Amino acid sequence: MKYLIGRISDPILGITTGIMAYYLWENDGRNSELRPQGRKLNDLLRRRFLPSIASD
């Protein structure tokens, strides 16, 4: 199987690209009416990885 960069770095590149795309979309003023409250990247990560803090 051929890889774009490498077996380990291809998934890392994909995840990083997705996070950066979401971050850029989130900070674009033209998309502000499309974003619901509490759905920012920081809120989603906090809810996923720190559920005890998010429930407060």
C-alpha atoms as a PDB file:
ATOM      1  CA  MET A   1       0.000   0.000   0.000  1.00  0.00           C
ATOM      2  CA  LYS A   2       1.330   3.442  -0.906  1.00  0.00           C
ATOM      3  CA  TYR A   3       1.220   6.265   1.597  1.00  0.00           C
ATOM      4  CA  LEU A   4       1.227   9.994   0.959  1.00  0.00           C
ATOM      5  CA  ILE A   5       3.878  10.736   3.587  1.00  0.00           C
ATOM      6  CA  GLY A   6       4.128   7.699   5.818  1.00  0.00           C
ATOM      7  CA  ARG A   7       2.095   5.112   7.639  1.00  0.00           C
ATOM      8  CA  ILE A   8       2.081   7.051  10.919  1.00  0.00           C
ATOM      9  CA  SER A   9       2.139  10.603   9.641  1.00  0.00           C
ATOM     10  CA  ASP A  10      -0.784  10.285   7.175  1.00  0.00           C
ATOM     11  CA  PRO A  11      -3.449   9.953   9.912  1.00  0.00           C
ATOM     12  CA  ILE A  12      -1.782  12.727  11.911  1.00  0.00           C
ATOM     13  CA  LEU A  13      -1.839  14.961   8.832  1.00  0.00           C
ATOM     14  CA  GLY A  14      -5.530  14.182   8.278  1.00  0.00           C
ATOM     15  CA  ILE A  15      -6.540  14.899  11.863  1.00  0.00           C
ATOM     16  CA  THR A  16      -4.484  18.101  11.957  1.00  0.00           C
ATOM     17  CA  THR A  17      -6.006  19.289   8.682  1.00  0.00           C
ATOM     18  CA  GLY A  18      -9.522  18.623   9.990  1.00  0.00           C
ATOM     19  CA  ILE A  19      -8.912  20.471  13.248  1.00  0.00           C
ATOM     20  CA  MET A  20      -7.392  23.450  11.441  1.00  0.00           C
ATOM     21  CA  ALA A  21     -10.303  23.564   8.955  1.00  0.00           C
ATOM     22  CA  TYR A  22     -12.839  23.533  11.776  1.00  0.00           C
ATOM     23  CA  TYR A  23     -10.876  26.222  13.651  1.00  0.00           C
ATOM     24  CA  LEU A  24     -10.733  28.460  10.575  1.00  0.00           C
ATOM     25  CA  TRP A  25     -14.440  27.961   9.864  1.00  0.00           C
ATOM     26  CA  GLU A  26     -15.219  28.719  13.502  1.00  0.00           C
ATOM     27  CA  ASN A  27     -13.313  32.020  13.455  1.00  0.00           C
ATOM     28  CA  ASP A  28     -14.684  33.244  10.138  1.00  0.00           C
ATOM     29  CA  GLY A  29     -17.145  36.066  10.755  1.00  0.00           C
ATOM     30  CA  ARG A  30     -19.266  35.103   7.764  1.00  0.00           C
ATOM     31  CA  ASN A  31     -20.205  31.823   9.481  1.00  0.00           C
ATOM     32  CA  SER A  32     -21.266  33.321  12.804  1.00  0.00           C
ATOM     33  CA  GLU A  33     -24.997  32.790  12.218  1.00  0.00           C
ATOM     34  CA  LEU A  34     -24.401  29.107  11.370  1.00  0.00           C
ATOM     35  CA  ARG A  35     -22.640  28.331  14.669  1.00  0.00           C
ATOM     36  CA  PRO A  36     -24.856  27.373  17.596  1.00  0.00           C
ATOM     37  CA  GLN A  37     -23.871  28.522  21.092  1.00  0.00           C
ATOM     38  CA  GLY A  38     -21.729  26.053  23.022  1.00  0.00           C
ATOM     39  CA  ARG A  39     -20.415  24.345  19.889  1.00  0.00           C
ATOM     40  CA  LYS A  40     -16.994  25.978  19.658  1.00  0.00           C
ATOM     41  CA  LEU A  41     -13.967  23.717  19.336  1.00  0.00           C
ATOM     42  CA  ASN A  42     -12.872  24.459  22.896  1.00  0.00           C
ATOM     43  CA  ASP A  43     -16.336  23.580  24.226  1.00  0.00           C
ATOM     44  CA  LEU A  44     -16.454  20.318  22.284  1.00  0.00           C
ATOM     45  CA  LEU A  45     -12.956  19.286  23.418  1.00  0.00           C
ATOM     46  CA  ARG A  46     -13.697  20.218  27.021  1.00  0.00           C
ATOM     47  CA  ARG A  47     -16.904  18.172  26.971  1.00  0.00           C
ATOM     48  CA  ARG A  48     -15.082  15.200  25.425  1.00  0.00           C
ATOM     49  CA  PHE A  49     -11.958  15.089  27.558  1.00  0.00           C
ATOM     50  CA  LEU A  50     -12.966  16.841  30.791  1.00  0.00           C
ATOM     51  CA  PRO A  51     -16.602  15.846  31.409  1.00  0.00           C
ATOM     52  CA  SER A  52     -16.495  16.746  35.123  1.00  0.00           C
ATOM     53  CA  ILE A  53     -15.601  20.373  34.339  1.00  0.00           C
ATOM     54  CA  ALA A  54     -18.103  20.654  31.460  1.00  0.00           C
ATOM     55  CA  SER A  55     -21.057  19.612  33.629  1.00  0.00           C
ATOM     56  CA  ASP A  56     -20.460  22.473  36.119  1.00  0.00           C
END
